[in-house]
Amino acid sequence: MTRLLFREDAYAKTCTATVTGISDRGVALDQTVFYATSGGQAGDIGALKTTSGASLPVATTVKDRETGTLLHIIAEGHDLPAIGDSVEAELDWDNRHRLMRYHTSLHLLCAVIDGDVTGGNIAAHKARLDFNLPDAVLDKDDITAKLNELIARNADVYDGEISIAELKANPELVRTMSVQPPMDGHSIRTVTIEGIDFQPCGGTHVKNTSEIGRVTISKIEKKGRQNRRINLVFEE
């Protein structure tokens, strides 16, 4: 199993690792700072740098559907390393930090909107959540103002954990109807935004809401009879 260093420190940008497997254009490592596509959050991009000086672009990071192995997908036109090789795994940090800022923003959106989440997506240029809100009247400007007020609180964001038994006893903690939080062993990772939000989550987040910057709701869409899609972007 790959040691997931981003779970220990979401701000770790690089690590030295050993290649443990090759699958098509996917490279498995014994440890990594790269997050694999999951829970609506896009997989990390960056590079694997070899001891020979080659830089192998990582186009995305995914989990193998059958084994769950985390794979760094190397862009076409580049040779793959060999099993046993040592590499330096280096994130595209600007891209990752934007994903972290967006992911934390969506947790704030959950605190603003009272409804079950039916889907979502987090990319480096925008993010969105779908809510089960068949009769709601939603106002872009009102939601934008409420989000920016929460961001301006400079609230700390930190990880924790609860047991699977605790989650089963409190199923309302899971806001997403279509995605369950990762259950590794006997505990489930949680993310707290101090005084604002608490929910199980396996993604990467900023340490304080002040890192997010101002956001705006760019569009609210009706997706079917019940779903309302709320799209969010940074003001920049």
C-alpha atoms as a PDB file:
ATOM      1  CA  MET A   1       0.000   0.000   0.000  1.00  0.00           C
ATOM      2  CA  THR A   2       1.169   3.525  -0.780  1.00  0.00           C
ATOM      3  CA  ARG A   3       1.782   5.794   2.200  1.00  0.00           C
ATOM      4  CA  LEU A   4      -0.437   8.822   1.597  1.00  0.00           C
ATOM      5  CA  LEU A   5       1.681  11.715   2.820  1.00  0.00           C
ATOM      6  CA  PHE A   6      -0.979  14.300   1.928  1.00  0.00           C
ATOM      7  CA  ARG A   7      -3.118  12.839   4.701  1.00  0.00           C
ATOM      8  CA  GLU A   8      -0.348  13.608   7.172  1.00  0.00           C
ATOM      9  CA  ASP A   9       0.504  17.031   5.729  1.00  0.00           C
ATOM     10  CA  ALA A  10      -1.509  18.548   2.864  1.00  0.00           C
ATOM     11  CA  TYR A  11       1.237  21.171   2.467  1.00  0.00           C
ATOM     12  CA  ALA A  12       4.009  18.674   1.655  1.00  0.00           C
ATOM     13  CA  LYS A  13       5.096  19.493  -1.892  1.00  0.00           C
ATOM     14  CA  THR A  14       7.731  16.824  -2.582  1.00  0.00           C
ATOM     15  CA  CYS A  15       8.914  13.458  -1.361  1.00  0.00           C
ATOM     16  CA  THR A  16      11.478  10.838  -2.293  1.00  0.00           C
ATOM     17  CA  ALA A  17       9.846   7.533  -3.199  1.00  0.00           C
ATOM     18  CA  THR A  18      10.537   4.108  -4.680  1.00  0.00           C
ATOM     19  CA  VAL A  19       8.659   2.768  -7.705  1.00  0.00           C
ATOM     20  CA  THR A  20       6.692  -0.308  -6.598  1.00  0.00           C
ATOM     21  CA  GLY A  21       4.642  -1.027  -9.709  1.00  0.00           C
ATOM     22  CA  ILE A  22       3.845  -0.078 -13.313  1.00  0.00           C
ATOM     23  CA  SER A  23       0.393  -0.324 -14.907  1.00  0.00           C
ATOM     24  CA  ASP A  24      -0.048   0.930 -18.487  1.00  0.00           C
ATOM     25  CA  ARG A  25       1.185   4.526 -18.035  1.00  0.00           C
ATOM     26  CA  GLY A  26       0.552   4.532 -14.290  1.00  0.00           C
ATOM     27  CA  VAL A  27       3.396   4.489 -11.776  1.00  0.00           C
ATOM     28  CA  ALA A  28       2.830   3.237  -8.218  1.00  0.00           C
ATOM     29  CA  LEU A  29       5.105   4.479  -5.428  1.00  0.00           C
ATOM     30  CA  ASP A  30       5.741   3.363  -1.876  1.00  0.00           C
ATOM     31  CA  GLN A  31       4.739   6.861  -0.702  1.00  0.00           C
ATOM     32  CA  THR A  32       3.452  10.019  -2.340  1.00  0.00           C
ATOM     33  CA  VAL A  33       2.312  13.604  -1.835  1.00  0.00           C
ATOM     34  CA  PHE A  34      -0.077  13.264  -4.817  1.00  0.00           C
ATOM     35  CA  TYR A  35      -3.839  13.031  -4.246  1.00  0.00           C
ATOM     36  CA  ALA A  36      -5.769  10.689  -6.539  1.00  0.00           C
ATOM     37  CA  THR A  37      -9.064  11.699  -8.156  1.00  0.00           C
ATOM     38  CA  SER A  38     -11.716  10.980  -5.542  1.00  0.00           C
ATOM     39  CA  GLY A  39     -14.805  12.488  -3.962  1.00  0.00           C
ATOM     40  CA  GLY A  40     -15.152  14.975  -6.801  1.00  0.00           C
ATOM     41  CA  GLN A  41     -11.647  16.412  -6.321  1.00  0.00           C
ATOM     42  CA  ALA A  42      -9.361  16.255  -9.353  1.00  0.00           C
ATOM     43  CA  GLY A  43      -6.163  14.225  -9.129  1.00  0.00           C
ATOM     44  CA  ASP A  44      -2.905  16.075  -8.619  1.00  0.00           C
ATOM     45  CA  ILE A  45      -0.500  16.927 -11.421  1.00  0.00           C
ATOM     46  CA  GLY A  46       3.251  17.524 -11.290  1.00  0.00           C
ATOM     47  CA  ALA A  47       6.336  15.453 -12.093  1.00  0.00           C
ATOM     48  CA  LEU A  48       8.392  12.433 -11.108  1.00  0.00           C
ATOM     49  CA  LYS A  49      12.084  13.291 -11.286  1.00  0.00           C
ATOM     50  CA  THR A  50      14.529  10.417 -11.765  1.00  0.00           C
ATOM     51  CA  THR A  51      18.093  10.073 -10.504  1.00  0.00           C
ATOM     52  CA  SER A  52      19.266  10.418 -14.121  1.00  0.00           C
ATOM     53  CA  GLY A  53      17.814  13.930 -14.277  1.00  0.00           C
ATOM     54  CA  ALA A  54      14.703  13.143 -16.329  1.00  0.00           C
ATOM     55  CA  SER A  55      11.442  14.882 -15.416  1.00  0.00           C
ATOM     56  CA  LEU A  56       8.370  12.749 -16.124  1.00  0.00           C
ATOM     57  CA  PRO A  57       5.184  14.868 -16.255  1.00  0.00           C
ATOM     58  CA  VAL A  58       2.313  13.493 -14.178  1.00  0.00           C
ATOM     59  CA  ALA A  59      -0.844  14.279 -16.186  1.00  0.00           C
ATOM     60  CA  THR A  60      -3.175  13.159 -13.383  1.00  0.00           C
ATOM     61  CA  THR A  61      -3.314  10.805 -10.416  1.00  0.00           C
ATOM     62  CA  VAL A  62      -5.948   8.085 -10.118  1.00  0.00           C
ATOM     63  CA  LYS A  63      -6.816   4.918  -8.235  1.00  0.00           C
ATOM     64  CA  ASP A  64      -6.766   1.587 -10.036  1.00  0.00           C
ATOM     65  CA  ARG A  65     -10.400   0.470 -10.245  1.00  0.00           C
ATOM     66  CA  GLU A  66      -9.656  -3.142  -9.361  1.00  0.00           C
ATOM     67  CA  THR A  67      -6.912  -2.876  -6.746  1.00  0.00           C
ATOM     68  CA  GLY A  68      -7.320   0.653  -5.393  1.00  0.00           C
ATOM     69  CA  THR A  69      -3.612   1.267  -6.007  1.00  0.00           C
ATOM     70  CA  LEU A  70      -2.720   4.944  -6.418  1.00  0.00           C
ATOM     71  CA  LEU A  71      -1.231   5.535  -9.890  1.00  0.00           C
ATOM     72  CA  HIS A  72       0.671   8.569 -11.174  1.00  0.00           C
ATOM     73  CA  ILE A  73      -0.246   8.749 -14.878  1.00  0.00           C
ATOM     74  CA  ILE A  74       2.791   9.752 -16.940  1.00  0.00           C
ATOM     75  CA  ALA A  75       2.132  11.875 -20.036  1.00  0.00           C
ATOM     76  CA  GLU A  76       2.579  10.287 -23.452  1.00  0.00           C
ATOM     77  CA  GLY A  77       6.010  10.560 -25.033  1.00  0.00           C
ATOM     78  CA  HIS A  78       7.978   9.954 -21.857  1.00  0.00           C
ATOM     79  CA  ASP A  79       9.684   6.715 -20.818  1.00  0.00           C
ATOM     80  CA  LEU A  80       8.430   5.063 -17.654  1.00  0.00           C
ATOM     81  CA  PRO A  81      10.754   4.364 -14.722  1.00  0.00           C
ATOM     82  CA  ALA A  82      11.535   0.800 -13.652  1.00  0.00           C
ATOM     83  CA  ILE A  83      10.308  -0.954 -10.531  1.00  0.00           C
ATOM     84  CA  GLY A  84      12.815  -0.277  -7.767  1.00  0.00           C
ATOM     85  CA  ASP A  85      13.901   3.111  -9.152  1.00  0.00           C
ATOM     86  CA  SER A  86      14.101   6.058  -6.783  1.00  0.00           C
ATOM     87  CA  VAL A  87      12.206   9.196  -7.848  1.00  0.00           C
ATOM     88  CA  GLU A  88      11.373  12.612  -6.465  1.00  0.00           C
ATOM     89  CA  ALA A  89       7.621  13.195  -6.581  1.00  0.00           C
ATOM     90  CA  GLU A  90       6.957  16.919  -6.972  1.00  0.00           C
ATOM     91  CA  LEU A  91       3.512  18.525  -7.028  1.00  0.00           C
ATOM     92  CA  ASP A  92       2.401  21.362  -9.235  1.00  0.00           C
ATOM     93  CA  TRP A  93       1.806  23.317  -6.030  1.00  0.00           C
ATOM     94  CA  ASP A  94      -0.158  26.216  -7.536  1.00  0.00           C
ATOM     95  CA  ASN A  95      -2.649  23.718  -8.975  1.00  0.00           C
ATOM     96  CA  ARG A  96      -2.902  21.753  -5.706  1.00  0.00           C
ATOM     97  CA  HIS A  97      -3.368  24.844  -3.556  1.00  0.00           C
ATOM     98  CA  ARG A  98      -6.224  26.019  -5.768  1.00  0.00           C
ATOM     99  CA  LEU A  99      -7.881  22.611  -5.311  1.00  0.00           C
ATOM    100  CA  MET A 100      -7.443  22.924  -1.537  1.00  0.00           C
ATOM    101  CA  ARG A 101      -8.950  26.414  -1.530  1.00  0.00           C
ATOM    102  CA  TYR A 102     -11.900  25.277  -3.634  1.00  0.00           C
ATOM    103  CA  HIS A 103     -12.520  22.158  -1.541  1.00  0.00           C
ATOM    104  CA  THR A 104     -12.648  24.155   1.672  1.00  0.00           C
ATOM    105  CA  SER A 105     -14.955  26.660  -0.059  1.00  0.00           C
ATOM    106  CA  LEU A 106     -17.405  23.855  -0.843  1.00  0.00           C
ATOM    107  CA  HIS A 107     -17.514  22.864   2.824  1.00  0.00           C
ATOM    108  CA  LEU A 108     -18.461  26.464   3.573  1.00  0.00           C
ATOM    109  CA  LEU A 109     -21.130  26.232   0.880  1.00  0.00           C
ATOM    110  CA  CYS A 110     -22.539  23.209   2.725  1.00  0.00           C
ATOM    111  CA  ALA A 111     -22.805  25.411   5.808  1.00  0.00           C
ATOM    112  CA  VAL A 112     -24.724  28.063   3.837  1.00  0.00           C
ATOM    113  CA  ILE A 113     -27.095  25.785   1.906  1.00  0.00           C
ATOM    114  CA  ASP A 114     -29.479  23.539   3.854  1.00  0.00           C
ATOM    115  CA  GLY A 115     -29.847  20.542   1.570  1.00  0.00           C
ATOM    116  CA  ASP A 116     -28.385  17.140   0.772  1.00  0.00           C
ATOM    117  CA  VAL A 117     -25.497  17.126  -1.685  1.00  0.00           C
ATOM    118  CA  THR A 118     -26.176  14.963  -4.736  1.00  0.00           C
ATOM    119  CA  GLY A 119     -22.901  15.558  -6.587  1.00  0.00           C
ATOM    120  CA  GLY A 120     -19.918  17.821  -6.967  1.00  0.00           C
ATOM    121  CA  ASN A 121     -16.689  18.567  -8.743  1.00  0.00           C
ATOM    122  CA  ILE A 122     -13.487  20.378  -7.807  1.00  0.00           C
ATOM    123  CA  ALA A 123     -11.114  21.537 -10.532  1.00  0.00           C
ATOM    124  CA  ALA A 124      -8.338  24.124 -10.449  1.00  0.00           C
ATOM    125  CA  HIS A 125     -10.465  26.737 -12.272  1.00  0.00           C
ATOM    126  CA  LYS A 126     -13.878  26.252 -10.642  1.00  0.00           C
ATOM    127  CA  ALA A 127     -15.915  24.076  -8.295  1.00  0.00           C
ATOM    128  CA  ARG A 128     -19.543  23.176  -7.882  1.00  0.00           C
ATOM    129  CA  LEU A 129     -22.000  21.280  -5.723  1.00  0.00           C
ATOM    130  CA  ASP A 130     -25.392  19.862  -6.654  1.00  0.00           C
ATOM    131  CA  PHE A 131     -28.091  20.008  -3.975  1.00  0.00           C
ATOM    132  CA  ASN A 132     -31.417  18.240  -3.583  1.00  0.00           C
ATOM    133  CA  LEU A 133     -33.493  21.441  -3.439  1.00  0.00           C
ATOM    134  CA  PRO A 134     -36.624  21.005  -5.562  1.00  0.00           C
ATOM    135  CA  ASP A 135     -38.511  24.021  -4.193  1.00  0.00           C
ATOM    136  CA  ALA A 136     -35.713  26.370  -3.155  1.00  0.00           C
ATOM    137  CA  VAL A 137     -35.304  29.886  -4.472  1.00  0.00           C
ATOM    138  CA  LEU A 138     -31.565  30.584  -4.578  1.00  0.00           C
ATOM    139  CA  ASP A 139     -29.945  33.985  -5.001  1.00  0.00           C
ATOM    140  CA  LYS A 140     -26.373  34.219  -6.302  1.00  0.00           C
ATOM    141  CA  ASP A 141     -25.558  37.497  -4.602  1.00  0.00           C
ATOM    142  CA  ASP A 142     -26.951  36.383  -1.248  1.00  0.00           C
ATOM    143  CA  ILE A 143     -24.979  33.121  -1.272  1.00  0.00           C
ATOM    144  CA  THR A 144     -21.825  34.954  -2.390  1.00  0.00           C
ATOM    145  CA  ALA A 145     -22.135  37.431   0.487  1.00  0.00           C
ATOM    146  CA  LYS A 146     -22.674  34.674   3.049  1.00  0.00           C
ATOM    147  CA  LEU A 147     -19.682  32.691   1.773  1.00  0.00           C
ATOM    148  CA  ASN A 148     -17.351  35.669   1.880  1.00  0.00           C
ATOM    149  CA  GLU A 149     -18.529  36.488   5.399  1.00  0.00           C
ATOM    150  CA  LEU A 150     -17.568  32.980   6.513  1.00  0.00           C
ATOM    151  CA  ILE A 151     -14.214  33.194   4.719  1.00  0.00           C
ATOM    152  CA  ALA A 152     -13.492  36.513   6.466  1.00  0.00           C
ATOM    153  CA  ARG A 153     -13.802  34.857   9.882  1.00  0.00           C
ATOM    154  CA  ASN A 154     -10.275  33.459   9.378  1.00  0.00           C
ATOM    155  CA  ALA A 155     -11.467  30.172  10.835  1.00  0.00           C
ATOM    156  CA  ASP A 156      -8.961  27.380  11.444  1.00  0.00           C
ATOM    157  CA  VAL A 157      -9.405  24.175   9.442  1.00  0.00           C
ATOM    158  CA  TYR A 158      -8.135  20.912  10.865  1.00  0.00           C
ATOM    159  CA  ASP A 159      -8.361  17.135  10.552  1.00  0.00           C
ATOM    160  CA  GLY A 160      -9.742  14.663  13.042  1.00  0.00           C
ATOM    161  CA  GLU A 161     -11.235  11.199  13.034  1.00  0.00           C
ATOM    162  CA  ILE A 162     -14.262   9.299  14.192  1.00  0.00           C
ATOM    163  CA  SER A 163     -14.933   5.579  14.321  1.00  0.00           C
ATOM    164  CA  ILE A 164     -17.085   3.775  11.782  1.00  0.00           C
ATOM    165  CA  ALA A 165     -19.483   3.019  14.632  1.00  0.00           C
ATOM    166  CA  GLU A 166     -19.757   6.741  15.429  1.00  0.00           C
ATOM    167  CA  LEU A 167     -20.535   7.518  11.803  1.00  0.00           C
ATOM    168  CA  LYS A 168     -23.201   4.811  11.641  1.00  0.00           C
ATOM    169  CA  ALA A 169     -24.756   6.297  14.762  1.00  0.00           C
ATOM    170  CA  ASN A 170     -24.706   9.774  13.181  1.00  0.00           C
ATOM    171  CA  PRO A 171     -25.340   9.239   9.439  1.00  0.00           C
ATOM    172  CA  GLU A 172     -26.447  12.882   9.044  1.00  0.00           C
ATOM    173  CA  LEU A 173     -22.754  13.881   9.252  1.00  0.00           C
ATOM    174  CA  VAL A 174     -22.351  12.724   5.643  1.00  0.00           C
ATOM    175  CA  ARG A 175     -23.751  15.488   3.447  1.00  0.00           C
ATOM    176  CA  THR A 176     -23.070  13.730   0.131  1.00  0.00           C
ATOM    177  CA  MET A 177     -25.753  11.302  -1.026  1.00  0.00           C
ATOM    178  CA  SER A 178     -23.657   9.739  -3.811  1.00  0.00           C
ATOM    179  CA  VAL A 179     -20.156   9.616  -2.272  1.00  0.00           C
ATOM    180  CA  GLN A 180     -19.177   7.981   0.999  1.00  0.00           C
ATOM    181  CA  PRO A 181     -16.079   9.109   2.932  1.00  0.00           C
ATOM    182  CA  PRO A 182     -12.997   6.848   2.701  1.00  0.00           C
ATOM    183  CA  MET A 183     -13.036   4.189   5.394  1.00  0.00           C
ATOM    184  CA  ASP A 184      -9.473   3.107   6.129  1.00  0.00           C
ATOM    185  CA  GLY A 185      -9.258   0.542   8.893  1.00  0.00           C
ATOM    186  CA  HIS A 186     -11.472   1.386  11.859  1.00  0.00           C
ATOM    187  CA  SER A 187     -11.585   5.168  11.612  1.00  0.00           C
ATOM    188  CA  ILE A 188     -12.836   7.855   9.237  1.00  0.00           C
ATOM    189  CA  ARG A 189     -11.071  11.154   8.624  1.00  0.00           C
ATOM    190  CA  THR A 190     -13.038  14.293   9.417  1.00  0.00           C
ATOM    191  CA  VAL A 191     -12.522  17.960   8.565  1.00  0.00           C
ATOM    192  CA  THR A 192     -13.559  20.744  10.926  1.00  0.00           C
ATOM    193  CA  ILE A 193     -13.883  24.404  10.002  1.00  0.00           C
ATOM    194  CA  GLU A 194     -13.868  25.961  13.445  1.00  0.00           C
ATOM    195  CA  GLY A 195     -17.335  27.134  14.420  1.00  0.00           C
ATOM    196  CA  ILE A 196     -18.726  26.603  10.920  1.00  0.00           C
ATOM    197  CA  ASP A 197     -18.680  23.046   9.582  1.00  0.00           C
ATOM    198  CA  PHE A 198     -17.811  19.468  10.524  1.00  0.00           C
ATOM    199  CA  GLN A 199     -18.045  16.467   8.216  1.00  0.00           C
ATOM    200  CA  PRO A 200     -16.203  13.312   7.115  1.00  0.00           C
ATOM    201  CA  CYS A 201     -13.895  14.023   4.173  1.00  0.00           C
ATOM    202  CA  GLY A 202     -10.847  12.477   2.515  1.00  0.00           C
ATOM    203  CA  GLY A 203      -9.794  15.503   0.461  1.00  0.00           C
ATOM    204  CA  THR A 204      -7.117  18.149   0.926  1.00  0.00           C
ATOM    205  CA  HIS A 205      -7.859  21.488   2.602  1.00  0.00           C
ATOM    206  CA  VAL A 206      -6.252  24.778   3.554  1.00  0.00           C
ATOM    207  CA  LYS A 207      -5.341  25.433   7.203  1.00  0.00           C
ATOM    208  CA  ASN A 208      -7.393  28.599   7.544  1.00  0.00           C
ATOM    209  CA  THR A 209     -10.273  30.122   5.581  1.00  0.00           C
ATOM    210  CA  SER A 210      -8.185  33.280   5.072  1.00  0.00           C
ATOM    211  CA  GLU A 211      -6.187  31.349   2.431  1.00  0.00           C
ATOM    212  CA  ILE A 212      -9.259  30.983   0.204  1.00  0.00           C
ATOM    213  CA  GLY A 213      -9.644  34.599  -0.829  1.00  0.00           C
ATOM    214  CA  ARG A 214     -12.920  36.074  -2.005  1.00  0.00           C
ATOM    215  CA  VAL A 215     -15.261  33.883  -4.048  1.00  0.00           C
ATOM    216  CA  THR A 216     -18.337  34.432  -6.170  1.00  0.00           C
ATOM    217  CA  ILE A 217     -21.247  32.242  -7.213  1.00  0.00           C
ATOM    218  CA  SER A 218     -20.954  32.337 -10.984  1.00  0.00           C
ATOM    219  CA  LYS A 219     -24.074  30.378 -11.911  1.00  0.00           C
ATOM    220  CA  ILE A 220     -27.002  28.481 -10.399  1.00  0.00           C
ATOM    221  CA  GLU A 221     -28.493  25.832 -12.671  1.00  0.00           C
ATOM    222  CA  LYS A 222     -31.547  23.613 -12.527  1.00  0.00           C
ATOM    223  CA  LYS A 223     -30.493  20.015 -13.178  1.00  0.00           C
ATOM    224  CA  GLY A 224     -33.629  17.922 -13.342  1.00  0.00           C
ATOM    225  CA  ARG A 225     -36.708  18.210 -11.118  1.00  0.00           C
ATOM    226  CA  GLN A 226     -34.859  18.283  -7.793  1.00  0.00           C
ATOM    227  CA  ASN A 227     -31.184  19.143  -8.352  1.00  0.00           C
ATOM    228  CA  ARG A 228     -29.821  22.661  -8.182  1.00  0.00           C
ATOM    229  CA  ARG A 229     -26.187  23.139  -9.269  1.00  0.00           C
ATOM    230  CA  ILE A 230     -24.269  25.961  -7.579  1.00  0.00           C
ATOM    231  CA  ASN A 231     -21.062  26.948  -9.372  1.00  0.00           C
ATOM    232  CA  LEU A 232     -18.291  28.771  -7.513  1.00  0.00           C
ATOM    233  CA  VAL A 233     -15.169  30.594  -8.724  1.00  0.00           C
ATOM    234  CA  PHE A 234     -12.499  32.781  -7.147  1.00  0.00           C
ATOM    235  CA  GLU A 235     -13.017  36.510  -7.622  1.00  0.00           C
ATOM    236  CA  GLU A 236      -9.513  36.793  -9.035  1.00  0.00           C
END
